[in-house]
Amino acid sequence: MRQHHRTPRLLGTLLLVAAAGISLVGAAPPAATVTPLGRVVPAPASVDPGGSPYRITGDTRIRVDDSREARTVGAYLADILRPSTGYRLPVTSRGGGAIRLRLGGKGLGTEGYRLDSGRSGVTITAGRPAGLFHGVQTLRQLLPAAVEKKSVQPGPWLIAGGTITDTPRYGYRGAMLDVSRHFFTVPQVKHYIDELALYKVNKLHLHLSDDQGWRIAVDAWPRLTAHGGSTQVGGGQGGFYTKADYREIVRYAASRYLEVVPEIDMPGHTNAALASYAELNCDGVAPPLYTGTEVGFSSLCVNKPLTYDFVDDVIRELAAITPGAYLHIGGDEAHSTSHADYVTFMDKVQPVVAKYGKKVIGWHQLTGTTPAKGAIAQYWGLDDTGAEEKAQVARAARNGTGLVLSPADRLYLDMKYTADTPLGQDWAGLVEVRRAYDWDPGAYLPGVPASAVKGVEAPLWTETIVTSADIDVMAFPRLPGAAELGWSPASTHDWDTYKVRLAAQGPRWDALGIGYYRSPQVPWPAS
């Protein structure tokens, strides 16, 4: 298919040059053209193209307000641009010829921004620092993909003229990384954070405990990591985060305007804990460590008072090192816990989360109990999940429980793309790029008021995922679609236009060293 793209691409390039107001007489070759303002992911809320482009040169400065936050975002932008442009790009509070980062914009909320570009410069205005950071991600995509490389590239570095005004549809735009089935180091998690930040994702959900491994240090229960963290799926050496490690992940995520949402899955998915402490088991006998991939066989002992001492200690210590608002208590696939015991457990555990200043998130089975005030249920069912289960979720939503949508046959990044995909699973079906993108979170679950939907999250379970390269090929190109569902207005969601914008991301991923699945559904540029 790709050999047919050469002529249309050249024609499109010439049209873009003309639309940008660049004279074709003596013009630079097609590679010097500008990216249209609207060809970014996620799609901006409002795009008003026009006027001359701005060209980054050796005289360009990054001009910032005299605030620590603006200066930090300016330094981040300079770190991206300097290697590929070869320019000094001083970050300063004075001077012209600038890319300007300005706080104080009205009506842009906590994450919105406005980008104004013209011959004399580019200004990103935001009400809060997160908006400046998100605006910088848009600015990156308006520059040639080669801007992401770590060596000097020829340029030129043109940014199309006009204005983008952009605010997110949802406040919760998440991605989950399961570090329990296979452990990922702090540098690997930071690498994923950088990839998430490219697409304005603002929540990193870390699945820190499961049958196969306990990954966060708890001072009151040291064997959780010493023993429970010592292995992983397939019998590898596992690993865990010290509290210093976890704080570093939290700090780094915050520098990219992501909030970490830690999860301790319970009462099921707890074999690593049960293997570490015999007294947590109803019969007082510790099971062996588990390195398989089956689910639903483990449960904390709901009737033991010690269980709630354990839960209190874990939540207290984790909440103390988590500045974000949420703590995820799992609650899925508790097949070894009776319904009555499950209700009892959740009734006792949810107040513990509140006691330590956090809001509850749980998988959507939480709606079979009485969700705490302000709780969020994370829906992971399928399109064809039974009507009764969906109705239970809808009732909770109408009663005030917020929803984050992660339908497994849409947003689970560990599902195979096709039957031939080497990695991943297929229990929820095959999830190609269009299927992951082509649905509306606001209208997905019948009977759910639109106001109850707080956002979307793309989970990546790691039964088959071992390396950062594995993460990349399963997340890309589906993750940007999840990010767009969370950020962009519903009116912008159109597969035929999205796949063109998504295709334009391919060269950027090549420049960043992100290996991705070249879906035949996407018209990738010819090499």
Protein backbone atom coordinates (compact mmCIF):
# COMPACT_ATOMS: atom_id res chain seq x y z
CA MET A 1 0.00 0.00 0.00
CA ARG A 2 2.73 2.45 0.91
CA GLN A 3 4.11 2.91 -2.61
CA HIS A 4 0.89 4.76 -3.54
CA HIS A 5 1.47 7.57 -1.01
CA ARG A 6 4.29 9.44 -2.70
CA THR A 7 2.32 11.69 -5.06
CA PRO A 8 -0.50 12.58 -2.65
CA ARG A 9 2.01 13.33 0.07
CA LEU A 10 3.93 15.72 -2.16
CA LEU A 11 0.72 17.45 -3.25
CA GLY A 12 -0.39 17.68 0.37
CA THR A 13 2.96 19.15 1.32
CA LEU A 14 2.68 21.89 -1.29
CA LEU A 15 -0.85 22.69 -0.17
CA LEU A 16 0.32 22.95 3.44
CA VAL A 17 3.08 25.34 2.43
CA ALA A 18 0.59 27.52 0.62
CA ALA A 19 -1.89 27.37 3.49
CA ALA A 20 0.81 28.47 5.91
CA GLY A 21 1.46 31.59 3.88
CA ILE A 22 4.92 30.58 2.66
CA SER A 23 5.80 31.70 -0.85
CA LEU A 24 6.59 28.84 -3.20
CA VAL A 25 8.99 31.02 -5.16
CA GLY A 26 12.46 30.06 -4.00
CA ALA A 27 10.88 27.98 -1.22
CA ALA A 28 12.72 25.33 0.71
CA PRO A 29 12.19 21.72 -0.41
CA PRO A 30 9.07 19.90 0.79
CA ALA A 31 10.79 18.68 3.95
CA ALA A 32 10.87 22.30 5.17
CA THR A 33 7.09 22.61 5.35
CA VAL A 34 5.13 23.16 8.53
CA THR A 35 2.93 20.73 10.38
CA PRO A 36 -0.69 21.98 10.41
CA LEU A 37 -1.83 23.16 13.83
CA GLY A 38 -4.51 20.50 14.01
CA ARG A 39 -2.27 17.52 13.18
CA VAL A 40 -1.52 16.64 16.78
CA VAL A 41 -2.61 13.93 19.21
CA PRO A 42 -4.73 14.38 21.29
CA ALA A 43 -6.83 16.58 18.98
CA PRO A 44 -7.03 20.14 20.36
CA ALA A 45 -10.38 21.52 21.41
CA SER A 46 -10.09 24.52 19.08
CA VAL A 47 -7.73 25.28 16.18
CA ASP A 48 -7.60 28.61 14.31
CA PRO A 49 -4.80 28.42 11.71
CA GLY A 50 -3.45 31.44 9.86
CA GLY A 51 -0.56 33.77 9.38
CA SER A 52 3.15 33.17 8.98
CA PRO A 53 4.99 30.42 10.82
CA TYR A 54 7.59 31.02 13.49
CA ARG A 55 11.10 29.76 12.82
CA ILE A 56 13.35 28.67 15.68
CA THR A 57 16.88 29.97 15.03
CA GLY A 58 20.12 30.44 16.88
CA ASP A 59 18.71 33.72 18.23
CA THR A 60 15.62 32.13 19.78
CA ARG A 61 15.16 32.43 23.51
CA ILE A 62 12.77 30.60 25.79
CA ARG A 63 11.20 33.41 27.74
CA VAL A 64 9.44 32.52 30.98
CA ASP A 65 7.56 34.28 33.72
CA ASP A 66 9.54 34.87 36.87
CA SER A 67 8.16 31.78 38.59
CA ARG A 68 9.85 28.53 39.52
CA GLU A 69 7.22 26.44 37.73
CA ALA A 70 7.44 28.32 34.44
CA ARG A 71 11.23 28.28 34.56
CA THR A 72 11.19 24.51 35.17
CA VAL A 73 8.91 23.88 32.18
CA GLY A 74 11.11 26.20 30.12
CA ALA A 75 14.20 24.22 31.07
CA TYR A 76 12.40 20.98 30.14
CA LEU A 77 11.58 22.43 26.71
CA ALA A 78 15.15 23.61 26.21
CA ASP A 79 16.46 20.14 27.07
CA ILE A 80 14.29 18.70 24.30
CA LEU A 81 15.18 21.28 21.65
CA ARG A 82 18.90 21.85 22.19
CA PRO A 83 20.35 18.48 21.06
CA SER A 84 18.55 18.39 17.70
CA THR A 85 18.67 22.10 16.81
CA GLY A 86 22.18 22.74 18.10
CA TYR A 87 21.00 26.13 19.41
CA ARG A 88 21.72 27.59 22.86
CA LEU A 89 18.08 28.50 23.56
CA PRO A 90 18.69 30.33 26.83
CA VAL A 91 15.84 30.23 29.35
CA THR A 92 15.34 33.82 30.42
CA SER A 93 12.76 36.23 31.80
CA ARG A 94 13.60 38.97 29.28
CA GLY A 95 14.34 39.50 25.58
CA GLY A 96 12.50 39.01 22.29
CA GLY A 97 12.65 36.49 19.44
CA ALA A 98 11.11 34.06 21.82
CA ILE A 99 9.10 31.02 22.61
CA ARG A 100 7.26 32.44 25.60
CA LEU A 101 5.72 30.47 28.47
CA ARG A 102 3.23 32.59 30.38
CA LEU A 103 1.08 31.85 33.41
CA GLY A 104 -2.08 33.83 34.10
CA GLY A 105 -4.46 32.77 31.34
CA LYS A 106 -8.17 32.93 32.17
CA GLY A 107 -10.73 30.23 31.47
CA LEU A 108 -8.16 27.49 30.82
CA GLY A 109 -8.66 25.53 34.04
CA THR A 110 -5.88 23.59 35.72
CA GLU A 111 -4.60 21.82 32.59
CA GLY A 112 -5.65 23.89 29.59
CA TYR A 113 -3.44 26.17 27.50
CA ARG A 114 -3.49 28.53 24.54
CA LEU A 115 -0.75 28.44 21.91
CA ASP A 116 -0.36 31.56 19.71
CA SER A 117 2.15 31.34 16.86
CA GLY A 118 3.26 33.92 14.33
CA ARG A 119 6.33 35.27 12.60
CA SER A 120 7.60 37.05 15.72
CA GLY A 121 7.29 34.16 18.16
CA VAL A 122 5.23 31.52 19.93
CA THR A 123 3.44 32.12 23.22
CA ILE A 124 1.99 29.35 25.38
CA THR A 125 -0.40 30.74 27.98
CA ALA A 126 -1.89 28.72 30.82
CA GLY A 127 -3.67 29.24 34.09
CA ARG A 128 -1.55 26.64 35.87
CA PRO A 129 1.88 25.06 35.29
CA ALA A 130 0.33 21.77 34.11
CA GLY A 131 -1.21 23.69 31.22
CA LEU A 132 2.19 25.08 30.22
CA PHE A 133 3.60 21.56 30.25
CA HIS A 134 0.76 20.20 28.09
CA GLY A 135 1.21 23.12 25.71
CA VAL A 136 4.88 22.19 25.36
CA GLN A 137 3.84 18.66 24.29
CA THR A 138 1.72 20.21 21.53
CA LEU A 139 4.63 22.45 20.51
CA ARG A 140 6.84 19.35 20.16
CA GLN A 141 4.37 17.76 17.75
CA LEU A 142 4.22 20.92 15.65
CA LEU A 143 7.96 20.64 15.00
CA PRO A 144 9.50 18.05 12.66
CA ALA A 145 9.91 14.59 14.18
CA ALA A 146 13.70 14.97 13.99
CA VAL A 147 13.45 17.45 16.87
CA GLU A 148 13.31 14.40 19.17
CA LYS A 149 16.75 13.15 18.14
CA LYS A 150 19.81 13.52 20.36
CA SER A 151 22.17 14.77 17.64
CA VAL A 152 22.13 17.95 15.55
CA GLN A 153 19.64 17.75 12.67
CA PRO A 154 19.38 20.05 9.63
CA GLY A 155 15.97 21.61 10.37
CA PRO A 156 14.51 24.12 9.55
CA TRP A 157 12.38 24.35 12.69
CA LEU A 158 9.06 25.89 11.68
CA ILE A 159 5.90 26.18 13.82
CA ALA A 160 2.68 26.91 11.92
CA GLY A 161 0.95 30.24 12.46
CA GLY A 162 -2.36 30.50 14.27
CA THR A 163 -3.93 29.74 17.63
CA ILE A 164 -4.77 26.55 19.53
CA THR A 165 -7.06 26.82 22.55
CA ASP A 166 -7.18 23.54 24.41
CA THR A 167 -8.68 22.12 27.59
CA PRO A 168 -9.27 18.44 28.51
CA ARG A 169 -12.62 16.69 28.37
CA TYR A 170 -11.86 14.61 31.47
CA GLY A 171 -9.74 15.26 34.53
CA TYR A 172 -8.65 11.62 34.85
CA ARG A 173 -6.56 10.34 31.94
CA GLY A 174 -4.64 7.35 33.12
CA ALA A 175 -2.39 4.46 32.25
CA MET A 176 -1.73 1.47 34.49
CA LEU A 177 1.50 -0.51 34.67
CA ASP A 178 1.41 -3.91 36.34
CA VAL A 179 4.77 -4.24 38.10
CA SER A 180 3.64 -7.31 40.04
CA ARG A 181 3.47 -10.00 37.34
CA HIS A 182 6.84 -8.78 36.05
CA PHE A 183 8.87 -6.23 37.95
CA PHE A 184 10.06 -3.03 36.27
CA THR A 185 12.87 -0.90 37.66
CA VAL A 186 12.69 2.77 38.55
CA PRO A 187 14.45 3.82 35.28
CA GLN A 188 12.01 1.68 33.29
CA VAL A 189 9.03 3.29 35.00
CA LYS A 190 10.51 6.75 34.38
CA HIS A 191 10.87 5.87 30.70
CA TYR A 192 7.18 4.98 30.52
CA ILE A 193 6.26 8.20 32.36
CA ASP A 194 8.05 10.21 29.66
CA GLU A 195 6.08 8.38 26.98
CA LEU A 196 2.79 8.99 28.79
CA ALA A 197 3.57 12.69 29.16
CA LEU A 198 3.87 13.06 25.38
CA TYR A 199 0.10 12.56 25.13
CA LYS A 200 -1.04 14.54 28.18
CA VAL A 201 -1.78 11.49 30.34
CA ASN A 202 -2.01 12.69 33.95
CA LYS A 203 -2.38 9.54 36.09
CA LEU A 204 0.06 6.64 36.50
CA HIS A 205 -1.66 3.73 38.20
CA LEU A 206 0.92 1.31 39.61
CA HIS A 207 -0.34 -2.21 40.34
CA LEU A 208 1.99 -2.87 43.26
CA SER A 209 0.78 -6.20 44.63
CA ASP A 210 -0.64 -9.44 43.28
CA ASP A 211 -0.32 -13.19 43.62
CA GLN A 212 3.07 -13.17 41.88
CA GLY A 213 4.82 -10.37 43.73
CA TRP A 214 4.64 -7.63 46.38
CA ARG A 215 6.55 -4.61 45.11
CA ILE A 216 6.44 -1.85 47.75
CA ALA A 217 8.30 -1.82 51.08
CA VAL A 218 6.13 -1.80 54.21
CA ASP A 219 8.21 -1.27 57.34
CA ALA A 220 5.72 -3.00 59.62
CA TRP A 221 5.66 -6.13 57.43
CA PRO A 222 9.17 -6.53 55.96
CA ARG A 223 8.69 -10.06 54.60
CA LEU A 224 6.18 -8.71 52.06
CA THR A 225 9.12 -7.62 49.93
CA ALA A 226 11.92 -9.83 51.27
CA HIS A 227 9.92 -12.97 50.50
CA GLY A 228 6.81 -11.87 48.59
CA GLY A 229 8.80 -9.69 46.20
CA SER A 230 11.45 -12.28 45.46
CA THR A 231 9.97 -13.75 42.29
CA GLN A 232 7.63 -13.07 39.35
CA VAL A 233 5.78 -14.82 36.54
CA GLY A 234 7.96 -17.60 35.17
CA GLY A 235 10.16 -17.69 38.26
CA GLY A 236 12.44 -14.71 37.65
CA GLN A 237 14.10 -12.82 40.51
CA GLY A 238 11.34 -10.23 40.90
CA GLY A 239 12.20 -7.10 42.83
CA PHE A 240 10.58 -4.30 44.81
CA TYR A 241 10.67 -0.57 45.42
CA THR A 242 12.12 0.82 48.60
CA LYS A 243 10.26 3.82 49.93
CA ALA A 244 13.02 5.99 48.47
CA ASP A 245 12.51 4.32 45.09
CA TYR A 246 8.78 4.94 45.24
CA ARG A 247 9.27 8.57 46.25
CA GLU A 248 11.58 9.00 43.27
CA ILE A 249 8.93 7.62 40.91
CA VAL A 250 6.36 9.97 42.48
CA ARG A 251 8.74 12.92 42.15
CA TYR A 252 9.58 12.16 38.54
CA ALA A 253 5.93 11.66 37.63
CA ALA A 254 5.09 15.01 39.25
CA SER A 255 7.79 16.68 37.13
CA ARG A 256 5.81 15.46 34.11
CA TYR A 257 2.49 16.46 35.72
CA LEU A 258 1.37 12.89 36.37
CA GLU A 259 -0.11 11.80 39.69
CA VAL A 260 0.78 8.32 40.92
CA VAL A 261 -2.19 6.14 41.94
CA PRO A 262 -0.84 3.14 43.90
CA GLU A 263 -2.83 -0.09 44.03
CA ILE A 264 -2.79 -2.77 46.69
CA ASP A 265 -5.15 -5.41 45.31
CA MET A 266 -7.34 -7.08 47.93
CA PRO A 267 -8.94 -9.24 49.28
CA GLY A 268 -8.03 -11.46 46.32
CA HIS A 269 -4.82 -11.39 44.27
CA THR A 270 -2.96 -11.64 47.59
CA ASN A 271 -0.88 -14.82 47.40
CA ALA A 272 2.43 -12.94 47.69
CA ALA A 273 1.25 -11.50 51.03
CA LEU A 274 -0.21 -14.80 52.21
CA ALA A 275 3.05 -16.60 51.35
CA SER A 276 5.01 -14.00 53.32
CA TYR A 277 2.99 -14.23 56.54
CA ALA A 278 1.32 -17.48 57.59
CA GLU A 279 -0.83 -15.65 60.14
CA LEU A 280 -2.70 -13.81 57.34
CA ASN A 281 -4.17 -17.16 56.25
CA CYS A 282 -7.34 -18.50 57.85
CA ASP A 283 -5.64 -21.85 58.54
CA GLY A 284 -2.34 -20.29 59.64
CA VAL A 285 -0.44 -22.05 56.87
CA ALA A 286 1.50 -20.02 54.33
CA PRO A 287 1.10 -21.15 50.71
CA PRO A 288 4.14 -21.34 48.43
CA LEU A 289 5.13 -18.41 46.26
CA TYR A 290 3.28 -18.39 42.95
CA THR A 291 4.80 -17.78 39.52
CA GLY A 292 1.91 -18.80 37.27
CA THR A 293 -0.82 -16.67 35.69
CA GLU A 294 -4.09 -18.08 36.99
CA VAL A 295 -6.38 -15.77 38.99
CA GLY A 296 -9.05 -15.98 41.67
CA PHE A 297 -7.55 -18.54 44.05
CA SER A 298 -6.28 -16.35 46.90
CA SER A 299 -7.99 -14.33 49.62
CA LEU A 300 -7.13 -12.51 52.79
CA CYS A 301 -8.87 -13.98 55.86
CA VAL A 302 -11.84 -11.64 56.21
CA ASN A 303 -12.81 -12.76 59.74
CA LYS A 304 -9.39 -12.33 61.36
CA PRO A 305 -8.81 -9.03 63.23
CA LEU A 306 -5.13 -9.31 62.23
CA THR A 307 -6.16 -8.84 58.60
CA TYR A 308 -7.33 -5.32 59.32
CA ASP A 309 -4.20 -4.50 61.34
CA PHE A 310 -2.28 -5.55 58.23
CA VAL A 311 -4.46 -3.47 55.91
CA ASP A 312 -4.22 -0.45 58.21
CA ASP A 313 -0.42 -0.64 58.31
CA VAL A 314 -0.11 -1.02 54.54
CA ILE A 315 -2.51 1.81 53.72
CA ARG A 316 -1.02 4.11 56.38
CA GLU A 317 2.55 3.66 55.13
CA LEU A 318 1.61 3.90 51.45
CA ALA A 319 -0.61 6.95 51.94
CA ALA A 320 2.23 8.71 53.80
CA ILE A 321 4.48 8.55 50.71
CA THR A 322 1.73 9.21 48.14
CA PRO A 323 0.90 12.91 47.69
CA GLY A 324 -1.88 12.21 45.19
CA ALA A 325 -5.55 12.08 46.10
CA TYR A 326 -6.24 8.41 45.37
CA LEU A 327 -5.41 4.97 46.71
CA HIS A 328 -6.59 1.96 44.71
CA ILE A 329 -7.75 -1.05 46.75
CA GLY A 330 -8.34 -3.45 43.85
CA GLY A 331 -11.27 -5.75 44.56
CA ASP A 332 -11.40 -7.68 41.29
CA GLU A 333 -11.61 -11.45 40.78
CA ALA A 334 -12.09 -12.22 44.49
CA HIS A 335 -13.53 -15.62 43.54
CA SER A 336 -12.28 -17.27 46.74
CA THR A 337 -14.13 -14.75 48.91
CA SER A 338 -17.86 -15.15 49.47
CA HIS A 339 -20.03 -12.19 48.53
CA ALA A 340 -20.93 -11.60 52.17
CA ASP A 341 -17.26 -11.64 53.18
CA TYR A 342 -16.39 -9.36 50.28
CA VAL A 343 -18.98 -6.81 51.42
CA THR A 344 -17.72 -7.05 54.99
CA PHE A 345 -14.14 -6.55 53.87
CA MET A 346 -14.89 -3.49 51.72
CA ASP A 347 -17.06 -1.96 54.44
CA LYS A 348 -14.09 -2.17 56.82
CA VAL A 349 -11.31 -1.19 54.42
CA GLN A 350 -12.80 1.85 52.68
CA PRO A 351 -12.89 3.90 55.93
CA VAL A 352 -9.19 3.10 56.46
CA VAL A 353 -8.38 4.79 53.14
CA ALA A 354 -10.36 7.86 54.24
CA LYS A 355 -8.67 7.83 57.66
CA TYR A 356 -5.32 8.37 55.97
CA GLY A 357 -6.58 11.18 53.76
CA LYS A 358 -7.11 9.38 50.46
CA LYS A 359 -10.04 8.69 48.17
CA VAL A 360 -10.94 5.13 47.25
CA ILE A 361 -10.59 3.68 43.78
CA GLY A 362 -11.55 0.07 43.21
CA TRP A 363 -12.28 -2.17 40.27
CA HIS A 364 -15.96 -2.04 39.34
CA GLN A 365 -16.84 -5.03 41.55
CA LEU A 366 -16.75 -2.42 44.31
CA THR A 367 -20.22 -1.37 43.11
CA GLY A 368 -21.56 -4.67 44.48
CA THR A 369 -20.94 -3.21 47.95
CA THR A 370 -21.61 0.31 49.23
CA PRO A 371 -18.91 2.51 47.70
CA ALA A 372 -17.61 5.21 50.01
CA LYS A 373 -18.56 8.82 49.38
CA GLY A 374 -16.27 10.19 46.66
CA ALA A 375 -15.14 6.71 45.57
CA ILE A 376 -14.34 5.86 41.97
CA ALA A 377 -15.12 2.51 40.38
CA GLN A 378 -12.87 1.44 37.52
CA TYR A 379 -14.91 -0.45 34.91
CA TRP A 380 -12.98 -3.24 33.20
CA GLY A 381 -15.86 -5.22 31.69
CA LEU A 382 -16.47 -5.87 28.02
CA ASP A 383 -18.88 -4.57 25.43
CA ASP A 384 -20.91 -7.75 25.96
CA THR A 385 -20.68 -7.88 29.76
CA GLY A 386 -24.07 -8.89 31.15
CA ALA A 387 -26.82 -6.34 31.53
CA GLU A 388 -27.16 -7.04 35.27
CA GLU A 389 -23.51 -6.25 35.97
CA LYS A 390 -23.67 -3.07 33.88
CA ALA A 391 -26.89 -2.05 35.64
CA GLN A 392 -25.15 -2.46 39.02
CA VAL A 393 -22.39 -0.10 37.89
CA ALA A 394 -24.95 2.36 36.50
CA ARG A 395 -26.90 2.39 39.78
CA ALA A 396 -23.74 3.22 41.71
CA ALA A 397 -22.94 5.97 39.20
CA ARG A 398 -26.40 7.49 39.61
CA ASN A 399 -25.88 7.39 43.38
CA GLY A 400 -22.69 9.44 43.15
CA THR A 401 -19.89 6.95 42.50
CA GLY A 402 -17.53 8.23 39.82
CA LEU A 403 -16.40 5.97 37.00
CA VAL A 404 -13.10 5.55 35.20
CA LEU A 405 -13.55 3.47 32.06
CA SER A 406 -11.07 0.74 31.13
CA PRO A 407 -13.13 -1.73 29.09
CA ALA A 408 -10.85 -4.72 28.58
CA ASP A 409 -11.85 -5.28 24.96
CA ARG A 410 -11.07 -1.62 24.18
CA LEU A 411 -8.34 -0.28 26.45
CA TYR A 412 -6.39 -3.22 27.86
CA LEU A 413 -3.00 -2.70 26.25
CA ASP A 414 -2.00 -6.31 26.92
CA MET A 415 -4.62 -7.67 24.54
CA LYS A 416 -3.21 -8.98 21.27
CA TYR A 417 -3.70 -6.80 18.20
CA THR A 418 -4.27 -9.85 16.00
CA ALA A 419 -4.11 -13.61 16.45
CA ASP A 420 -0.48 -13.45 15.27
CA THR A 421 0.68 -10.88 17.84
CA PRO A 422 3.62 -12.54 19.70
CA LEU A 423 2.93 -10.85 23.06
CA GLY A 424 -0.21 -10.40 25.08
CA GLN A 425 -3.40 -12.30 25.77
CA ASP A 426 -6.74 -12.65 24.00
CA TRP A 427 -9.27 -13.52 26.71
CA ALA A 428 -11.04 -10.19 26.11
CA GLY A 429 -10.68 -10.48 22.34
CA LEU A 430 -8.33 -9.03 19.75
CA VAL A 431 -7.93 -5.25 20.03
CA GLU A 432 -6.65 -3.54 16.90
CA VAL A 433 -5.98 0.19 16.85
CA ARG A 434 -9.38 1.21 15.51
CA ARG A 435 -11.26 -0.83 18.10
CA ALA A 436 -9.23 0.76 20.89
CA TYR A 437 -10.12 4.25 19.64
CA ASP A 438 -13.57 4.03 18.08
CA TRP A 439 -15.93 4.42 21.07
CA ASP A 440 -17.23 7.25 23.26
CA PRO A 441 -16.58 7.07 27.02
CA GLY A 442 -19.45 9.45 27.68
CA ALA A 443 -22.00 7.12 26.09
CA TYR A 444 -20.42 3.72 26.69
CA LEU A 445 -22.39 2.35 29.66
CA PRO A 446 -26.20 2.53 29.47
CA GLY A 447 -27.89 4.38 32.30
CA VAL A 448 -24.74 6.17 33.43
CA PRO A 449 -25.02 9.97 33.65
CA ALA A 450 -22.28 11.68 31.64
CA SER A 451 -21.25 13.61 34.75
CA ALA A 452 -20.34 10.34 36.51
CA VAL A 453 -17.62 9.53 33.97
CA LYS A 454 -14.39 10.97 35.37
CA GLY A 455 -12.13 9.69 32.61
CA VAL A 456 -10.41 6.71 31.03
CA GLU A 457 -7.42 4.53 31.80
CA ALA A 458 -5.40 2.14 29.65
CA PRO A 459 -4.09 -0.76 31.78
CA LEU A 460 -1.08 -2.83 30.78
CA TRP A 461 -0.99 -6.18 32.56
CA THR A 462 2.35 -7.93 32.33
CA GLU A 463 1.86 -11.70 32.30
CA THR A 464 3.72 -11.73 28.94
CA ILE A 465 5.46 -8.34 29.20
CA VAL A 466 9.08 -8.51 30.37
CA THR A 467 11.06 -5.58 28.87
CA SER A 468 10.56 -1.90 28.09
CA ALA A 469 10.52 -2.86 24.42
CA ASP A 470 7.56 -5.15 25.19
CA ILE A 471 5.77 -2.24 26.86
CA ASP A 472 6.36 -0.02 23.84
CA VAL A 473 5.06 -2.40 21.20
CA MET A 474 1.87 -3.09 23.15
CA ALA A 475 1.25 0.55 24.14
CA PHE A 476 2.02 2.09 20.77
CA PRO A 477 0.01 2.93 18.75
CA ARG A 478 -3.00 2.26 21.06
CA LEU A 479 -2.02 4.46 24.03
CA PRO A 480 -2.32 7.78 22.13
CA GLY A 481 -5.89 6.85 21.21
CA ALA A 482 -6.76 6.29 24.86
CA ALA A 483 -5.18 9.65 25.67
CA GLU A 484 -7.28 11.33 22.98
CA LEU A 485 -10.48 9.74 24.29
CA GLY A 486 -9.65 11.29 27.65
CA TRP A 487 -8.52 14.72 26.44
CA SER A 488 -10.32 15.70 23.25
CA PRO A 489 -13.95 16.79 22.81
CA ALA A 490 -16.27 14.05 21.57
CA SER A 491 -16.89 16.13 18.45
CA THR A 492 -13.28 15.57 17.34
CA HIS A 493 -13.45 11.76 17.56
CA ASP A 494 -13.40 10.47 14.00
CA TRP A 495 -11.40 7.43 12.99
CA ASP A 496 -10.73 8.57 9.42
CA THR A 497 -9.10 11.82 10.53
CA TYR A 498 -7.52 10.33 13.63
CA LYS A 499 -5.66 7.60 11.75
CA VAL A 500 -3.96 10.29 9.62
CA ARG A 501 -2.87 12.23 12.70
CA LEU A 502 -1.75 8.98 14.34
CA ALA A 503 0.27 7.99 11.26
CA ALA A 504 2.19 11.26 11.57
CA GLN A 505 3.38 10.12 15.01
CA GLY A 506 5.31 7.19 13.52
CA PRO A 507 8.42 9.16 12.53
CA ARG A 508 8.43 10.79 15.98
CA TRP A 509 8.45 7.38 17.66
CA ASP A 510 11.24 6.32 15.32
CA ALA A 511 13.23 9.38 16.39
CA LEU A 512 12.56 8.62 20.08
CA GLY A 513 13.49 4.96 19.71
CA ILE A 514 9.97 3.74 20.52
CA GLY A 515 9.35 0.43 18.79
CA TYR A 516 5.69 0.16 17.81
CA TYR A 517 3.23 -2.10 16.05
CA ARG A 518 2.79 -0.95 12.47
CA SER A 519 -0.92 -1.63 12.27
CA PRO A 520 -2.20 -2.07 8.70
CA GLN A 521 -5.19 0.05 9.73
CA VAL A 522 -2.97 3.15 9.90
CA PRO A 523 -1.53 4.89 6.78
CA TRP A 524 2.03 5.15 8.07
CA PRO A 525 4.38 7.36 6.01
CA ALA A 526 6.72 5.59 3.66
CA SER A 527 10.19 5.16 5.11
